[in-house]
């Protein structure tokens, strides 16, 4: 079973569920200005593997990161769907999670995401 990530939560526990994924070298606290305006939602701001207080959590593939994101959301909301919001690296992970476990998300909002480099030569 995947490890749980560190997270912060707030807002209305009965409101719409929203998960925030930060960018490279960030942490869940990067979303504070956004979550301050979302008291009507129940939000989670995750520290992605290798970041913030989840810095000891490692993963080899996006599937591993998605498993950790899903495990964390399950701990809070069981299997209820949530809106997934990602910035930069978080947007790439959100895109992957949306295809990896499509029934777990009510929607996906991407900011500054890039699909990645298409071929091995470009990645090198």
Protein backbone atom coordinates (compact mmCIF):
# COMPACT_ATOMS: atom_id res chain seq x y z
CA UNK A 1 0.00 0.00 0.00
CA UNK A 2 1.23 3.50 -0.82
CA UNK A 3 2.40 5.83 1.92
CA UNK A 4 0.34 8.78 3.04
CA UNK A 5 1.66 12.25 2.26
CA UNK A 6 1.80 15.15 4.69
CA UNK A 7 -1.06 17.58 4.16
CA UNK A 8 -2.91 20.55 5.55
CA UNK A 9 -6.68 20.78 5.42
CA UNK A 10 -9.29 23.39 6.12
CA UNK A 11 -12.56 24.96 5.10
CA UNK A 12 -16.01 23.44 5.40
CA UNK A 13 -15.90 19.65 5.92
CA UNK A 14 -19.30 19.44 4.22
CA UNK A 15 -18.28 21.57 1.24
CA UNK A 16 -16.93 20.56 -2.14
CA UNK A 17 -13.66 18.61 -1.89
CA UNK A 18 -10.54 20.16 -3.47
CA UNK A 19 -6.97 18.79 -3.57
CA UNK A 20 -4.04 21.11 -4.31
CA UNK A 21 -0.73 19.89 -5.78
CA UNK A 22 2.20 22.33 -5.71
CA UNK A 23 5.03 22.83 -8.18
CA UNK A 24 8.63 21.58 -8.15
CA UNK A 25 10.53 22.49 -4.95
CA UNK A 26 7.34 23.81 -3.36
CA UNK A 27 5.05 22.50 -0.64
CA UNK A 28 1.38 22.53 0.22
CA UNK A 29 1.76 25.87 2.00
CA UNK A 30 2.24 27.48 -1.42
CA UNK A 31 -1.55 27.44 -1.77
CA UNK A 32 -2.31 29.53 1.37
CA UNK A 33 -3.43 32.63 -0.56
CA UNK A 34 -5.86 30.49 -2.58
CA UNK A 35 -7.23 28.43 0.30
CA UNK A 36 -7.83 31.60 2.36
CA UNK A 37 -10.65 32.38 -0.08
CA UNK A 38 -12.12 28.87 -0.03
CA UNK A 39 -13.83 28.61 3.34
CA UNK A 40 -16.87 27.05 1.60
CA UNK A 41 -14.76 24.09 0.34
CA UNK A 42 -13.04 21.27 2.19
CA UNK A 43 -9.50 21.50 0.86
CA UNK A 44 -6.32 19.49 1.18
CA UNK A 45 -2.89 20.90 0.32
CA UNK A 46 -0.47 18.01 -0.11
CA UNK A 47 3.31 17.97 0.21
CA UNK A 48 4.29 15.86 -2.79
CA UNK A 49 6.87 13.06 -2.42
CA UNK A 50 10.34 14.51 -1.86
CA UNK A 51 8.92 17.95 -0.94
CA UNK A 52 7.98 19.82 2.24
CA UNK A 53 7.26 17.53 5.17
CA UNK A 54 6.96 14.58 2.75
CA UNK A 55 10.64 14.96 1.81
CA UNK A 56 11.47 11.43 2.99
CA UNK A 57 8.77 9.91 0.77
CA UNK A 58 10.35 8.86 -2.49
CA UNK A 59 8.79 7.59 -5.69
CA UNK A 60 10.20 6.26 -8.92
CA UNK A 61 7.27 6.89 -11.26
CA UNK A 62 4.21 9.10 -11.56
CA UNK A 63 2.12 6.00 -10.74
CA UNK A 64 3.84 5.89 -7.32
CA UNK A 65 3.07 9.57 -6.71
CA UNK A 66 -0.56 9.06 -7.77
CA UNK A 67 -0.87 6.11 -5.40
CA UNK A 68 0.38 8.31 -2.55
CA UNK A 69 -2.03 11.12 -3.51
CA UNK A 70 -4.95 8.67 -3.67
CA UNK A 71 -4.01 7.05 -0.36
CA UNK A 72 -3.90 10.46 1.33
CA UNK A 73 -7.26 11.53 -0.11
CA UNK A 74 -8.79 8.19 0.91
CA UNK A 75 -7.67 8.73 4.48
CA UNK A 76 -9.66 11.96 4.63
CA UNK A 77 -12.60 11.35 2.28
CA UNK A 78 -12.65 7.60 1.71
CA UNK A 79 -13.37 7.18 -2.02
CA UNK A 80 -15.42 10.33 -2.56
CA UNK A 81 -14.32 12.27 -5.66
CA UNK A 82 -12.59 15.63 -5.37
CA UNK A 83 -11.55 18.43 -7.69
CA UNK A 84 -7.82 18.10 -8.40
CA UNK A 85 -5.85 21.35 -8.82
CA UNK A 86 -2.20 21.34 -9.88
CA UNK A 87 0.47 23.91 -10.66
CA UNK A 88 3.55 23.08 -12.79
CA UNK A 89 4.83 19.70 -11.53
CA UNK A 90 1.52 19.41 -9.67
CA UNK A 91 -0.30 19.96 -12.97
CA UNK A 92 1.67 17.14 -14.61
CA UNK A 93 0.82 14.87 -11.68
CA UNK A 94 -2.83 15.95 -11.77
CA UNK A 95 -2.98 15.09 -15.47
CA UNK A 96 -1.49 11.68 -14.78
CA UNK A 97 -3.78 11.05 -11.79
CA UNK A 98 -6.82 11.99 -13.88
CA UNK A 99 -6.01 9.23 -16.36
CA UNK A 100 -4.65 6.81 -13.73
CA UNK A 101 -7.81 6.91 -11.56
CA UNK A 102 -10.46 8.89 -13.47
CA UNK A 103 -13.40 8.01 -11.21
CA UNK A 104 -11.66 9.53 -8.19
CA UNK A 105 -11.84 13.12 -9.49
CA UNK A 106 -14.82 15.37 -10.07
CA UNK A 107 -12.66 17.58 -12.26
CA UNK A 108 -9.11 18.74 -12.90
CA UNK A 109 -7.77 22.32 -13.00
CA UNK A 110 -4.26 22.78 -14.39
CA UNK A 111 -2.05 25.86 -14.11
CA UNK A 112 1.29 26.09 -15.89
CA UNK A 113 1.41 22.41 -16.76
CA UNK A 114 3.46 20.94 -19.56
CA UNK A 115 3.06 17.40 -20.88
CA UNK A 116 6.82 16.80 -20.76
CA UNK A 117 9.39 16.11 -23.41
CA UNK A 118 8.18 13.66 -26.02
CA UNK A 119 11.33 11.69 -26.85
CA UNK A 120 14.36 10.27 -25.06
CA UNK A 121 16.84 12.47 -26.98
CA UNK A 122 15.10 15.65 -25.83
CA UNK A 123 14.93 14.37 -22.22
CA UNK A 124 18.69 13.74 -22.21
